[in-house]
Amino acid sequence: MLPKDHFKGQVAFITGGGTGIGRAITERLTELGATCCIVSRKKQTLDKTAEEIQKKYQVTLFLCASWLKYIIT
């Protein structure tokens, strides 16, 4: 078992962080002290996930919306 501050000072960039496995990874890394930047295609999903994790762990998450549409055009 890793100590709660194992990833303190580290930044994790998690794609698909709003749901499923990505969300679980976001929660676990947050538990271990990482600052997380979560990315998802749907802003509503990101907002909901961030709000729930922030309440549970009293942390700040960085949110990013999908940038794919800007790369394609």
N, C-alpha and C. Protein backbone atom coordinates (compact mmCIF):
# COMPACT_ATOMS: atom_id res chain seq x y z
N MET A 1 0.83 -1.18 0.00
CA MET A 1 0.00 0.00 0.00
C MET A 1 0.88 1.25 0.00
N LEU A 2 0.55 2.17 -0.86
CA LEU A 2 1.33 3.40 -0.98
C LEU A 2 0.89 4.43 0.06
N PRO A 3 1.84 5.26 0.53
CA PRO A 3 1.46 6.31 1.48
C PRO A 3 0.60 7.37 0.80
N LYS A 4 -0.24 8.07 1.57
CA LYS A 4 -1.18 9.04 1.02
C LYS A 4 -0.52 10.19 0.27
N ASP A 5 0.73 10.47 0.53
CA ASP A 5 1.42 11.57 -0.16
C ASP A 5 2.41 11.07 -1.21
N HIS A 6 2.24 9.85 -1.66
CA HIS A 6 3.19 9.23 -2.59
C HIS A 6 3.40 10.06 -3.87
N PHE A 7 2.33 10.65 -4.39
CA PHE A 7 2.43 11.43 -5.62
C PHE A 7 2.34 12.93 -5.36
N LYS A 8 2.57 13.36 -4.14
CA LYS A 8 2.53 14.79 -3.81
C LYS A 8 3.55 15.54 -4.67
N GLY A 9 3.11 16.65 -5.27
CA GLY A 9 3.99 17.43 -6.13
C GLY A 9 4.03 16.94 -7.57
N GLN A 10 3.31 15.88 -7.87
CA GLN A 10 3.26 15.33 -9.22
C GLN A 10 1.94 15.72 -9.89
N VAL A 11 1.96 15.84 -11.21
CA VAL A 11 0.77 16.16 -11.97
C VAL A 11 0.44 14.98 -12.86
N ALA A 12 -0.84 14.58 -12.84
CA ALA A 12 -1.31 13.49 -13.70
C ALA A 12 -2.28 14.06 -14.73
N PHE A 13 -2.08 13.71 -15.99
CA PHE A 13 -2.95 14.12 -17.08
C PHE A 13 -3.73 12.88 -17.50
N ILE A 14 -5.03 12.86 -17.21
CA ILE A 14 -5.82 11.63 -17.39
C ILE A 14 -6.87 11.84 -18.46
N THR A 15 -6.73 11.10 -19.57
CA THR A 15 -7.74 11.16 -20.62
C THR A 15 -8.87 10.21 -20.24
N GLY A 16 -10.08 10.61 -20.56
CA GLY A 16 -11.24 9.81 -20.17
C GLY A 16 -11.45 9.82 -18.68
N GLY A 17 -11.01 10.89 -18.03
CA GLY A 17 -11.05 10.96 -16.58
C GLY A 17 -12.42 11.23 -15.98
N GLY A 18 -13.41 11.46 -16.81
CA GLY A 18 -14.73 11.77 -16.30
C GLY A 18 -15.58 10.57 -15.93
N THR A 19 -15.27 9.40 -16.50
CA THR A 19 -16.08 8.22 -16.26
C THR A 19 -15.22 6.96 -16.21
N GLY A 20 -15.81 5.89 -15.72
CA GLY A 20 -15.21 4.56 -15.79
C GLY A 20 -13.83 4.44 -15.17
N ILE A 21 -12.96 3.75 -15.89
CA ILE A 21 -11.61 3.49 -15.40
C ILE A 21 -10.84 4.79 -15.22
N GLY A 22 -11.01 5.73 -16.15
CA GLY A 22 -10.33 7.02 -16.04
C GLY A 22 -10.71 7.75 -14.77
N ARG A 23 -11.98 7.71 -14.43
CA ARG A 23 -12.43 8.36 -13.19
C ARG A 23 -11.82 7.66 -11.98
N ALA A 24 -11.81 6.32 -11.99
CA ALA A 24 -11.23 5.57 -10.87
C ALA A 24 -9.75 5.90 -10.71
N ILE A 25 -9.05 6.02 -11.82
CA ILE A 25 -7.62 6.40 -11.77
C ILE A 25 -7.48 7.79 -11.19
N THR A 26 -8.34 8.71 -11.63
CA THR A 26 -8.31 10.08 -11.11
C THR A 26 -8.50 10.09 -9.60
N GLU A 27 -9.49 9.33 -9.13
CA GLU A 27 -9.75 9.28 -7.68
C GLU A 27 -8.56 8.72 -6.92
N ARG A 28 -7.99 7.63 -7.44
CA ARG A 28 -6.87 6.99 -6.73
C ARG A 28 -5.64 7.89 -6.70
N LEU A 29 -5.32 8.51 -7.83
CA LEU A 29 -4.16 9.40 -7.85
C LEU A 29 -4.38 10.62 -6.95
N THR A 30 -5.62 11.09 -6.89
CA THR A 30 -5.94 12.20 -5.98
C THR A 30 -5.75 11.77 -4.54
N GLU A 31 -6.20 10.56 -4.20
CA GLU A 31 -6.00 10.02 -2.85
C GLU A 31 -4.52 9.99 -2.48
N LEU A 32 -3.69 9.73 -3.47
CA LEU A 32 -2.24 9.60 -3.23
C LEU A 32 -1.49 10.92 -3.38
N GLY A 33 -2.23 12.03 -3.51
CA GLY A 33 -1.60 13.34 -3.47
C GLY A 33 -1.31 14.01 -4.80
N ALA A 34 -1.64 13.38 -5.91
CA ALA A 34 -1.36 13.98 -7.22
C ALA A 34 -2.33 15.11 -7.52
N THR A 35 -1.87 16.08 -8.30
CA THR A 35 -2.74 17.09 -8.88
C THR A 35 -3.18 16.53 -10.22
N CYS A 36 -4.48 16.45 -10.44
CA CYS A 36 -4.98 15.80 -11.65
C CYS A 36 -5.60 16.78 -12.63
N CYS A 37 -5.26 16.59 -13.89
CA CYS A 37 -5.90 17.29 -15.00
C CYS A 37 -6.70 16.23 -15.74
N ILE A 38 -8.03 16.34 -15.69
CA ILE A 38 -8.84 15.32 -16.34
C ILE A 38 -9.40 15.85 -17.66
N VAL A 39 -9.42 14.97 -18.64
CA VAL A 39 -9.87 15.32 -19.98
C VAL A 39 -11.01 14.39 -20.37
N SER A 40 -12.02 14.96 -20.99
CA SER A 40 -13.15 14.18 -21.48
C SER A 40 -13.78 14.92 -22.64
N ARG A 41 -14.55 14.21 -23.45
CA ARG A 41 -15.23 14.86 -24.57
C ARG A 41 -16.43 15.67 -24.12
N LYS A 42 -16.98 15.35 -22.96
CA LYS A 42 -18.19 16.02 -22.51
C LYS A 42 -17.93 16.87 -21.27
N LYS A 43 -18.15 18.16 -21.42
CA LYS A 43 -17.90 19.09 -20.31
C LYS A 43 -18.78 18.77 -19.10
N GLN A 44 -20.03 18.37 -19.34
CA GLN A 44 -20.93 18.06 -18.23
C GLN A 44 -20.37 16.92 -17.38
N THR A 45 -19.79 15.94 -18.03
CA THR A 45 -19.19 14.81 -17.32
C THR A 45 -18.02 15.27 -16.48
N LEU A 46 -17.18 16.12 -17.05
CA LEU A 46 -16.03 16.65 -16.32
C LEU A 46 -16.48 17.44 -15.11
N ASP A 47 -17.46 18.31 -15.30
CA ASP A 47 -17.94 19.14 -14.20
C ASP A 47 -18.48 18.29 -13.05
N LYS A 48 -19.27 17.28 -13.38
CA LYS A 48 -19.85 16.41 -12.35
C LYS A 48 -18.77 15.64 -11.60
N THR A 49 -17.86 15.04 -12.35
CA THR A 49 -16.78 14.28 -11.73
C THR A 49 -15.92 15.16 -10.84
N ALA A 50 -15.55 16.33 -11.35
CA ALA A 50 -14.70 17.24 -10.58
C ALA A 50 -15.40 17.66 -9.29
N GLU A 51 -16.67 17.99 -9.37
CA GLU A 51 -17.41 18.42 -8.18
C GLU A 51 -17.43 17.32 -7.13
N GLU A 52 -17.69 16.09 -7.55
CA GLU A 52 -17.76 14.98 -6.60
C GLU A 52 -16.40 14.68 -5.97
N ILE A 53 -15.35 14.70 -6.77
CA ILE A 53 -14.01 14.42 -6.23
C ILE A 53 -13.55 15.55 -5.33
N GLN A 54 -13.84 16.79 -5.71
CA GLN A 54 -13.45 17.93 -4.88
C GLN A 54 -14.12 17.88 -3.51
N LYS A 55 -15.39 17.50 -3.47
CA LYS A 55 -16.10 17.38 -2.20
C LYS A 55 -15.52 16.26 -1.34
N LYS A 56 -15.23 15.14 -1.97
CA LYS A 56 -14.75 13.97 -1.24
C LYS A 56 -13.34 14.16 -0.69
N TYR A 57 -12.45 14.79 -1.47
CA TYR A 57 -11.04 14.88 -1.09
C TYR A 57 -10.57 16.29 -0.77
N GLN A 58 -11.44 17.28 -0.86
CA GLN A 58 -11.08 18.68 -0.60
C GLN A 58 -9.83 19.09 -1.39
N VAL A 59 -9.87 18.89 -2.69
CA VAL A 59 -8.75 19.22 -3.56
C VAL A 59 -9.25 20.04 -4.75
N THR A 60 -8.30 20.56 -5.50
CA THR A 60 -8.62 21.27 -6.73
C THR A 60 -8.15 20.41 -7.90
N LEU A 61 -9.03 20.26 -8.88
CA LEU A 61 -8.68 19.54 -10.11
C LEU A 61 -8.64 20.53 -11.25
N PHE A 62 -7.79 20.29 -12.20
CA PHE A 62 -7.76 21.09 -13.42
C PHE A 62 -8.59 20.35 -14.46
N LEU A 63 -9.44 21.07 -15.14
CA LEU A 63 -10.32 20.46 -16.14
C LEU A 63 -9.94 20.93 -17.53
N CYS A 64 -10.01 20.04 -18.48
CA CYS A 64 -9.74 20.36 -19.88
C CYS A 64 -10.85 19.77 -20.73
N ALA A 65 -11.36 20.53 -21.67
CA ALA A 65 -12.34 20.01 -22.62
C ALA A 65 -11.59 19.36 -23.78
N SER A 66 -12.32 18.66 -24.61
CA SER A 66 -11.70 18.01 -25.75
C SER A 66 -11.12 19.04 -26.70
N TRP A 67 -9.92 18.80 -27.19
CA TRP A 67 -9.28 19.71 -28.14
C TRP A 67 -9.29 19.13 -29.55
N LEU A 68 -9.85 17.94 -29.72
CA LEU A 68 -9.82 17.24 -31.00
C LEU A 68 -10.41 18.08 -32.13
N LYS A 69 -11.52 18.76 -31.88
CA LYS A 69 -12.15 19.54 -32.94
C LYS A 69 -11.23 20.65 -33.44
N TYR A 70 -10.33 21.13 -32.61
CA TYR A 70 -9.42 22.19 -33.01
C TYR A 70 -8.26 21.65 -33.83
N ILE A 71 -7.90 20.40 -33.60
CA ILE A 71 -6.82 19.78 -34.36
C ILE A 71 -7.29 19.43 -35.77
N ILE A 72 -8.53 18.95 -35.89
CA ILE A 72 -9.06 18.48 -37.18
C ILE A 72 -9.34 19.63 -38.13
N THR A 73 -9.84 20.75 -37.62
CA THR A 73 -10.24 21.84 -38.51
C THR A 73 -9.07 22.68 -38.98
